[in-house]
């Protein structure tokens, strides 16, 4: 070879390998420095305000990737006024520094495949190592059902959708964001409330609450044996059960918590991994008609509750979704202590909280708009140290 031949060929191969390697990296191309506003131990980042052509950014969920990044997938409305039934797809942002800053651009994860929209994300790392993406596919007010997609390449690509609720059980189901749980034995539990079905006279607040269960990493599902219908208060008033969530207790039982308009979250228990459930009863968790979120803190083993500590009977239980509070339980939900105020704007609207534990930090993502204008249109990230909950 001439004096440049071999070395030139070698350099060319090296350069090509370097370019290909660089192009294959999935690090965010742009990071937005957002230190947020820190006050009394809590840092708040107003991550996703609405804008022209994007009237609402709504509830989402987090997942930690193997390369250390945090992925946040949420509902991105792109038409209409951002109402619950307006068009929306799923979009994402990334953080490389445990939630302190996030990528600048929205990246579409899934296009709108529903007759109305797709929304309400839950993300889970399955025992198999795959990432599970759950979301609602809303076709109509009689067909709103959760579906599942799987990723084996750290959320770069997703499988075809897996149906959770079959056509013969079609209806308008609500599965909140960050709600699907995986038990130590691998069982997946998706708690849902059914509000309409063919033959009903229209959507109703009287949700029929149940769980869908999977023992094969989401490939097949079945309905729980118990379907909880409408209980009544001591005065005989019907209790509107909505937006259920589930958390496992230390003794192996499951506790289901449900939004109501009766002044508190209602609780039900299962001793057989979600197959059968007890009659719901009122809890000590005072609440308007707004969802709560409960998860176990890995560092301490206690339960963390995030909710609106507020009840206004004059509003028939609806009330304001403010303030936003956090509390812990050291007795598996029998009592709650060390209540903290996360948000206290009287006109604020704080709800649909996703909880992620990143090392010694708690990361929250929730809707944080104004009740009078854009209540569900703004998505906010808030974080604090676990130790702050105990001060």
Protein backbone atom coordinates (compact mmCIF):
# COMPACT_ATOMS: atom_id res chain seq x y z
CA UNK A 1 0.00 0.00 0.00
CA UNK A 2 1.08 3.62 -0.49
CA UNK A 3 2.03 5.59 2.54
CA UNK A 4 -1.54 6.77 3.07
CA UNK A 5 -3.35 3.58 2.05
CA UNK A 6 -3.45 1.42 5.17
CA UNK A 7 -3.44 4.29 7.64
CA UNK A 8 -6.08 6.13 5.64
CA UNK A 9 -8.29 3.03 5.51
CA UNK A 10 -7.84 2.47 9.27
CA UNK A 11 -8.60 6.11 10.03
CA UNK A 12 -11.69 5.97 7.81
CA UNK A 13 -13.03 2.90 9.64
CA UNK A 14 -12.31 4.52 13.02
CA UNK A 15 -14.06 7.73 11.95
CA UNK A 16 -17.09 5.79 10.68
CA UNK A 17 -17.33 3.81 13.93
CA UNK A 18 -17.07 7.03 15.96
CA UNK A 19 -19.84 8.69 13.93
CA UNK A 20 -22.13 5.67 14.18
CA UNK A 21 -21.53 5.35 17.91
CA UNK A 22 -22.15 9.04 18.46
CA UNK A 23 -25.35 8.96 16.43
CA UNK A 24 -26.66 5.94 18.34
CA UNK A 25 -26.42 7.64 21.70
CA UNK A 26 -29.80 8.62 23.07
CA UNK A 27 -28.67 11.38 25.34
CA UNK A 28 -30.91 14.46 25.07
CA UNK A 29 -29.60 16.96 22.56
CA UNK A 30 -30.89 19.90 24.57
CA UNK A 31 -31.28 20.26 28.30
CA UNK A 32 -33.21 23.09 29.84
CA UNK A 33 -31.75 24.37 33.07
CA UNK A 34 -34.66 24.50 35.44
CA UNK A 35 -33.65 24.73 39.06
CA UNK A 36 -37.24 25.56 39.89
CA UNK A 37 -38.41 27.43 42.93
CA UNK A 38 -37.28 26.01 46.25
CA UNK A 39 -39.17 26.88 49.40
CA UNK A 40 -39.21 25.10 52.76
CA UNK A 41 -37.45 22.05 51.39
CA UNK A 42 -39.64 21.60 48.28
CA UNK A 43 -38.50 22.39 44.72
CA UNK A 44 -41.16 23.07 42.07
CA UNK A 45 -40.58 23.06 38.32
CA UNK A 46 -43.40 24.31 36.10
CA UNK A 47 -42.43 21.90 33.36
CA UNK A 48 -45.31 21.77 30.90
CA UNK A 49 -47.57 24.83 30.63
CA UNK A 50 -50.06 24.91 27.72
CA UNK A 51 -49.30 26.87 24.56
CA UNK A 52 -50.75 27.51 21.12
CA UNK A 53 -51.69 24.21 19.50
CA UNK A 54 -51.21 22.47 22.83
CA UNK A 55 -54.11 23.54 25.07
CA UNK A 56 -53.38 21.03 27.83
CA UNK A 57 -50.61 18.84 29.18
CA UNK A 58 -52.01 16.40 31.65
CA UNK A 59 -51.25 13.50 33.98
CA UNK A 60 -48.28 11.19 33.38
CA UNK A 61 -45.87 8.78 35.01
CA UNK A 62 -42.13 8.20 35.52
CA UNK A 63 -39.81 5.27 34.84
CA UNK A 64 -36.08 5.02 35.61
CA UNK A 65 -34.05 3.68 32.70
CA UNK A 66 -31.00 1.45 33.00
CA UNK A 67 -28.70 4.23 31.78
CA UNK A 68 -29.73 6.42 34.73
CA UNK A 69 -32.16 8.69 32.91
CA UNK A 70 -35.72 9.28 34.06
CA UNK A 71 -38.44 9.10 31.44
CA UNK A 72 -41.71 10.99 31.98
CA UNK A 73 -44.60 10.11 29.63
CA UNK A 74 -47.73 12.24 29.76
CA UNK A 75 -50.88 13.22 27.84
CA UNK A 76 -50.30 15.93 25.24
CA UNK A 77 -53.52 17.54 23.93
CA UNK A 78 -53.13 19.05 20.48
CA UNK A 79 -56.62 20.27 19.51
CA UNK A 80 -59.84 21.63 20.92
CA UNK A 81 -59.81 23.28 24.33
CA UNK A 82 -58.09 20.45 26.15
CA UNK A 83 -61.25 18.83 27.45
CA UNK A 84 -61.17 15.23 28.65
CA UNK A 85 -62.48 13.98 25.31
CA UNK A 86 -60.40 16.20 23.02
CA UNK A 87 -57.63 14.78 20.81
CA UNK A 88 -54.39 13.85 22.59
CA UNK A 89 -51.34 11.65 22.10
CA UNK A 90 -48.61 10.47 24.47
CA UNK A 91 -45.42 12.52 24.67
CA UNK A 92 -42.24 12.36 26.74
CA UNK A 93 -39.45 14.31 28.38
CA UNK A 94 -36.18 13.00 29.86
CA UNK A 95 -34.03 13.96 32.83
CA UNK A 96 -30.38 12.97 33.24
CA UNK A 97 -29.96 14.47 36.71
CA UNK A 98 -32.62 12.79 38.85
CA UNK A 99 -35.33 15.26 37.92
CA UNK A 100 -33.52 18.59 38.36
CA UNK A 101 -33.69 19.45 34.65
CA UNK A 102 -35.52 18.08 31.63
CA UNK A 103 -35.23 17.91 27.86
CA UNK A 104 -36.60 20.95 26.11
CA UNK A 105 -38.62 19.32 23.33
CA UNK A 106 -41.74 17.16 23.51
CA UNK A 107 -41.19 13.81 21.80
CA UNK A 108 -44.21 11.88 20.61
CA UNK A 109 -44.28 8.37 22.07
CA UNK A 110 -47.55 7.13 20.58
CA UNK A 111 -49.85 8.82 18.12
CA UNK A 112 -53.53 9.15 18.91
CA UNK A 113 -55.03 5.75 18.14
CA UNK A 114 -58.37 6.38 19.88
CA UNK A 115 -61.61 7.71 18.51
CA UNK A 116 -61.18 10.55 21.03
CA UNK A 117 -57.70 10.29 22.54
CA UNK A 118 -55.17 8.24 24.47
CA UNK A 119 -54.30 9.28 28.01
CA UNK A 120 -53.60 8.37 31.64
CA UNK A 121 -50.20 6.63 31.67
CA UNK A 122 -48.83 4.04 34.10
CA UNK A 123 -45.23 2.84 33.68
CA UNK A 124 -43.77 -0.26 35.34
CA UNK A 125 -40.49 -2.15 35.28
CA UNK A 126 -41.66 -5.76 35.10
CA UNK A 127 -39.92 -8.71 36.74
CA UNK A 128 -38.89 -9.78 33.22
CA UNK A 129 -36.93 -6.52 32.84
CA UNK A 130 -39.33 -5.18 30.22
CA UNK A 131 -40.97 -1.79 30.61
CA UNK A 132 -44.76 -1.83 30.59
CA UNK A 133 -46.68 1.18 29.29
CA UNK A 134 -50.37 1.26 30.25
CA UNK A 135 -52.75 3.91 28.95
CA UNK A 136 -56.43 4.49 28.22
CA UNK A 137 -57.62 4.26 24.63
CA UNK A 138 -60.75 6.41 24.57
CA UNK A 139 -62.94 5.70 21.56
CA UNK A 140 -66.27 7.00 22.89
CA UNK A 141 -68.24 7.49 26.10
CA UNK A 142 -69.15 3.79 25.86
CA UNK A 143 -65.68 2.50 24.99
CA UNK A 144 -62.75 3.69 27.08
CA UNK A 145 -60.45 0.82 28.00
CA UNK A 146 -56.85 0.42 29.17
CA UNK A 147 -54.30 -1.23 26.89
CA UNK A 148 -50.67 -2.26 27.38
CA UNK A 149 -47.54 -2.03 25.28
CA UNK A 150 -44.18 -3.57 26.20
CA UNK A 151 -40.62 -2.45 25.51
CA UNK A 152 -37.54 -4.66 25.69
CA UNK A 153 -35.15 -1.90 24.59
CA UNK A 154 -35.58 0.70 27.35
CA UNK A 155 -38.55 2.55 25.82
CA UNK A 156 -36.96 3.06 22.40
CA UNK A 157 -39.67 0.98 20.71
CA UNK A 158 -42.98 -0.52 21.82
CA UNK A 159 -44.86 -3.70 21.03
CA UNK A 160 -48.27 -3.84 19.44
CA UNK A 161 -51.01 -3.10 22.02
CA UNK A 162 -52.22 -5.90 24.28
CA UNK A 163 -55.89 -5.76 25.19
CA UNK A 164 -56.70 -5.82 28.92
CA UNK A 165 -60.50 -5.68 28.76
CA UNK A 166 -62.10 -7.76 25.98
CA UNK A 167 -64.85 -6.59 23.64
CA UNK A 168 -67.46 -8.63 25.51
CA UNK A 169 -66.77 -6.46 28.60
CA UNK A 170 -66.69 -3.17 26.68
CA UNK A 171 -67.46 -0.01 28.64
CA UNK A 172 -66.17 3.35 29.83
CA UNK A 173 -63.43 2.42 32.32
CA UNK A 174 -61.19 4.81 34.24
CA UNK A 175 -57.64 3.73 35.08
CA UNK A 176 -55.74 6.63 36.64
CA UNK A 177 -52.12 7.43 35.89
CA UNK A 178 -49.47 5.68 38.01
CA UNK A 179 -51.99 3.10 39.22
CA UNK A 180 -50.92 -0.34 37.95
CA UNK A 181 -48.95 -2.32 40.54
CA UNK A 182 -46.85 -5.48 40.43
CA UNK A 183 -46.84 -7.81 43.44
CA UNK A 184 -43.68 -9.63 44.58
CA UNK A 185 -44.91 -12.84 42.93
CA UNK A 186 -45.26 -11.03 39.59
CA UNK A 187 -49.03 -10.53 39.48
CA UNK A 188 -50.10 -7.28 37.80
CA UNK A 189 -53.12 -5.44 39.15
CA UNK A 190 -54.93 -2.71 37.24
CA UNK A 191 -57.65 -1.10 39.41
CA UNK A 192 -60.46 0.43 37.34
CA UNK A 193 -63.88 2.01 37.75
CA UNK A 194 -66.60 1.31 35.17
CA UNK A 195 -68.92 4.29 34.55
CA UNK A 196 -70.80 3.35 31.40
CA UNK A 197 -71.49 0.37 29.16
CA UNK A 198 -73.78 -0.49 26.25
CA UNK A 199 -77.35 -0.57 27.54
CA UNK A 200 -76.70 1.90 30.34
CA UNK A 201 -78.46 5.26 30.21
CA UNK A 202 -75.24 7.26 30.04
CA UNK A 203 -72.13 7.86 32.09
CA UNK A 204 -72.66 7.93 35.84
CA UNK A 205 -70.57 8.88 38.87
CA UNK A 206 -71.63 5.59 40.46
CA UNK A 207 -68.56 3.66 39.45
CA UNK A 208 -68.42 -0.12 39.55
CA UNK A 209 -64.95 -0.73 40.96
CA UNK A 210 -62.89 -3.82 40.16
CA UNK A 211 -59.42 -5.01 39.24
CA UNK A 212 -58.02 -6.70 36.18
CA UNK A 213 -55.32 -9.25 36.97
CA UNK A 214 -52.46 -10.77 34.97
CA UNK A 215 -50.08 -13.55 35.98
CA UNK A 216 -48.07 -13.71 32.75
CA UNK A 217 -46.46 -10.26 32.48
CA UNK A 218 -49.53 -8.70 30.93
CA UNK A 219 -50.07 -11.11 28.05
CA UNK A 220 -53.50 -12.20 29.33
CA UNK A 221 -55.93 -10.63 31.82
CA UNK A 222 -59.07 -11.48 33.76
CA UNK A 223 -61.51 -9.53 35.91
CA UNK A 224 -61.43 -9.89 39.71
CA UNK A 225 -64.18 -11.98 41.25
CA UNK A 226 -65.44 -9.00 43.25
CA UNK A 227 -67.05 -6.04 41.50
CA UNK A 228 -67.74 -3.34 44.09
CA UNK A 229 -70.97 -1.49 43.39
CA UNK A 230 -72.39 1.55 45.17
CA UNK A 231 -72.25 1.44 48.98
CA UNK A 232 -74.26 3.87 51.11
CA UNK A 233 -73.39 6.22 53.93
CA UNK A 234 -74.90 5.85 57.43
CA UNK A 235 -77.56 8.32 56.28
CA UNK A 236 -78.43 6.18 53.28
CA UNK A 237 -76.77 8.39 50.68
CA UNK A 238 -75.04 6.59 47.77
CA UNK A 239 -71.24 6.77 47.72
CA UNK A 240 -69.76 7.57 44.32
CA UNK A 241 -66.70 5.31 44.07
CA UNK A 242 -64.19 6.55 41.51
CA UNK A 243 -60.52 6.35 40.45
CA UNK A 244 -59.32 3.45 42.61
CA UNK A 245 -55.71 2.80 43.54
CA UNK A 246 -54.04 -0.19 45.20
CA UNK A 247 -51.08 -0.57 47.56
CA UNK A 248 -49.68 -3.73 49.16
CA UNK A 249 -49.52 -3.82 52.96
CA UNK A 250 -46.78 -5.43 55.04
CA UNK A 251 -48.97 -8.41 55.95
CA UNK A 252 -49.53 -9.22 52.27
CA UNK A 253 -53.04 -7.82 52.02
CA UNK A 254 -53.94 -5.20 49.45
CA UNK A 255 -55.58 -1.91 50.33
CA UNK A 256 -57.72 -0.20 47.72
CA UNK A 257 -58.38 3.53 48.12
CA UNK A 258 -61.13 5.30 46.16
CA UNK A 259 -62.16 8.87 45.47
CA UNK A 260 -65.70 9.71 46.60
CA UNK A 261 -67.95 12.72 47.13
CA UNK A 262 -68.70 11.67 50.72
CA UNK A 263 -65.95 13.55 52.53
CA UNK A 264 -63.14 11.00 52.58
CA UNK A 265 -61.31 8.38 50.59
CA UNK A 266 -63.00 4.98 50.99
CA UNK A 267 -60.99 1.81 51.64
CA UNK A 268 -61.42 -1.84 50.72
CA UNK A 269 -59.11 -4.80 51.42
CA UNK A 270 -58.15 -8.01 49.67
CA UNK A 271 -56.47 -11.02 51.26
CA UNK A 272 -56.08 -13.02 48.06
CA UNK A 273 -54.03 -10.77 45.78
CA UNK A 274 -56.91 -8.82 44.34
CA UNK A 275 -59.45 -11.55 43.58
CA UNK A 276 -61.96 -10.63 46.29
CA UNK A 277 -62.52 -7.32 48.10
CA UNK A 278 -64.23 -6.25 51.31
CA UNK A 279 -67.11 -3.79 51.50
CA UNK A 280 -65.65 -0.25 51.21
CA UNK A 281 -65.61 1.87 54.35
CA UNK A 282 -64.75 5.55 54.95
CA UNK A 283 -61.19 6.32 56.01
CA UNK A 284 -59.50 9.02 58.05
CA UNK A 285 -58.26 10.58 54.80
CA UNK A 286 -60.40 13.69 54.47
CA UNK A 287 -60.85 14.45 50.80
CA UNK A 288 -62.95 16.24 48.19
CA UNK A 289 -63.98 14.40 45.02
CA UNK A 290 -60.38 14.13 43.97
CA UNK A 291 -57.95 11.21 43.70
CA UNK A 292 -55.29 10.33 46.25
CA UNK A 293 -51.97 8.59 45.62
CA UNK A 294 -50.35 6.15 48.06
CA UNK A 295 -47.01 4.35 47.62
CA UNK A 296 -44.47 2.73 49.92
CA UNK A 297 -41.23 4.61 50.60
CA UNK A 298 -38.31 2.23 49.83
CA UNK A 299 -35.93 3.96 52.24
CA UNK A 300 -38.15 3.70 55.34
CA UNK A 301 -40.88 1.17 54.53
CA UNK A 302 -43.61 3.66 55.47
CA UNK A 303 -46.50 4.67 53.24
CA UNK A 304 -46.54 8.07 51.53
CA UNK A 305 -49.91 9.72 50.87
CA UNK A 306 -50.34 12.68 48.49
CA UNK A 307 -53.84 14.19 48.34
CA UNK A 308 -56.04 17.26 48.87
CA UNK A 309 -56.76 17.67 52.58
CA UNK A 310 -60.03 19.49 52.05
CA UNK A 311 -63.76 18.84 52.18
CA UNK A 312 -66.54 21.34 51.48
CA UNK A 313 -70.00 19.82 52.08
CA UNK A 314 -71.69 22.80 50.43
CA UNK A 315 -70.17 21.65 47.15
CA UNK A 316 -71.66 18.17 47.61
CA UNK A 317 -68.20 16.76 48.01
CA UNK A 318 -66.71 18.24 44.86
CA UNK A 319 -64.95 21.14 46.53
CA UNK A 320 -61.58 22.57 45.61
CA UNK A 321 -58.58 20.41 44.79
CA UNK A 322 -56.39 22.49 47.02
CA UNK A 323 -54.29 22.42 49.14
CA UNK A 324 -52.02 19.57 48.04
CA UNK A 325 -50.62 17.68 51.01
CA UNK A 326 -48.28 14.83 51.87
CA UNK A 327 -48.30 12.60 54.95
CA UNK A 328 -46.76 9.32 56.06
CA UNK A 329 -48.15 6.26 57.78
CA UNK A 330 -46.05 3.94 59.93
CA UNK A 331 -48.95 1.55 60.61
CA UNK A 332 -49.95 0.67 57.04
CA UNK A 333 -52.59 3.31 56.61
CA UNK A 334 -54.43 3.13 59.92
CA UNK A 335 -53.21 6.60 60.87
CA UNK A 336 -51.35 9.39 59.08
CA UNK A 337 -48.81 11.79 60.58
CA UNK A 338 -46.37 14.61 59.81
CA UNK A 339 -48.66 16.25 57.27
CA UNK A 340 -46.87 18.64 54.91
CA UNK A 341 -48.26 21.30 52.60
CA UNK A 342 -46.95 21.05 49.04
CA UNK A 343 -49.28 23.60 47.44
CA UNK A 344 -51.71 26.02 49.09
CA UNK A 345 -52.89 28.49 46.43
CA UNK A 346 -56.64 28.91 47.22
CA UNK A 347 -57.36 29.08 43.49
CA UNK A 348 -55.04 26.22 42.59
CA UNK A 349 -56.06 22.86 41.19
CA UNK A 350 -53.69 20.04 42.17
CA UNK A 351 -54.39 16.41 41.33
CA UNK A 352 -53.46 13.23 39.44
CA UNK A 353 -50.11 12.72 41.11
CA UNK A 354 -47.42 10.31 39.94
CA UNK A 355 -44.87 9.31 42.59
CA UNK A 356 -41.32 8.13 41.87
CA UNK A 357 -38.54 7.44 44.39
CA UNK A 358 -35.10 8.32 43.04
CA UNK A 359 -32.47 7.45 45.62
CA UNK A 360 -33.24 9.55 48.69
CA UNK A 361 -35.55 11.84 46.73
CA UNK A 362 -39.29 11.87 46.08
CA UNK A 363 -40.28 12.99 42.59
CA UNK A 364 -43.89 14.05 41.93
CA UNK A 365 -45.61 14.89 38.67
CA UNK A 366 -49.12 16.36 38.81
CA UNK A 367 -51.64 18.74 37.27
CA UNK A 368 -51.18 22.21 38.75
CA UNK A 369 -53.38 24.75 37.04
CA UNK A 370 -55.99 27.23 38.23
CA UNK A 371 -59.50 26.09 39.06
CA UNK A 372 -61.13 29.07 37.34
CA UNK A 373 -59.22 28.75 34.07
CA UNK A 374 -56.91 25.83 33.23
CA UNK A 375 -57.29 23.39 36.11
CA UNK A 376 -55.85 20.31 34.38
CA UNK A 377 -53.80 22.04 31.69
CA UNK A 378 -50.43 22.44 33.45
CA UNK A 379 -48.08 19.58 34.35
CA UNK A 380 -45.65 20.28 37.18
CA UNK A 381 -42.67 18.40 38.58
CA UNK A 382 -41.99 18.75 42.31
CA UNK A 383 -39.26 17.07 44.34
CA UNK A 384 -37.98 16.89 47.89
CA UNK A 385 -35.79 14.68 50.05
CA UNK A 386 -37.40 11.71 51.81
CA UNK A 387 -36.03 12.98 55.12
CA UNK A 388 -38.07 16.18 54.73
CA UNK A 389 -41.22 14.15 55.29
CA UNK A 390 -40.04 13.29 58.82
CA UNK A 391 -38.98 16.75 60.00
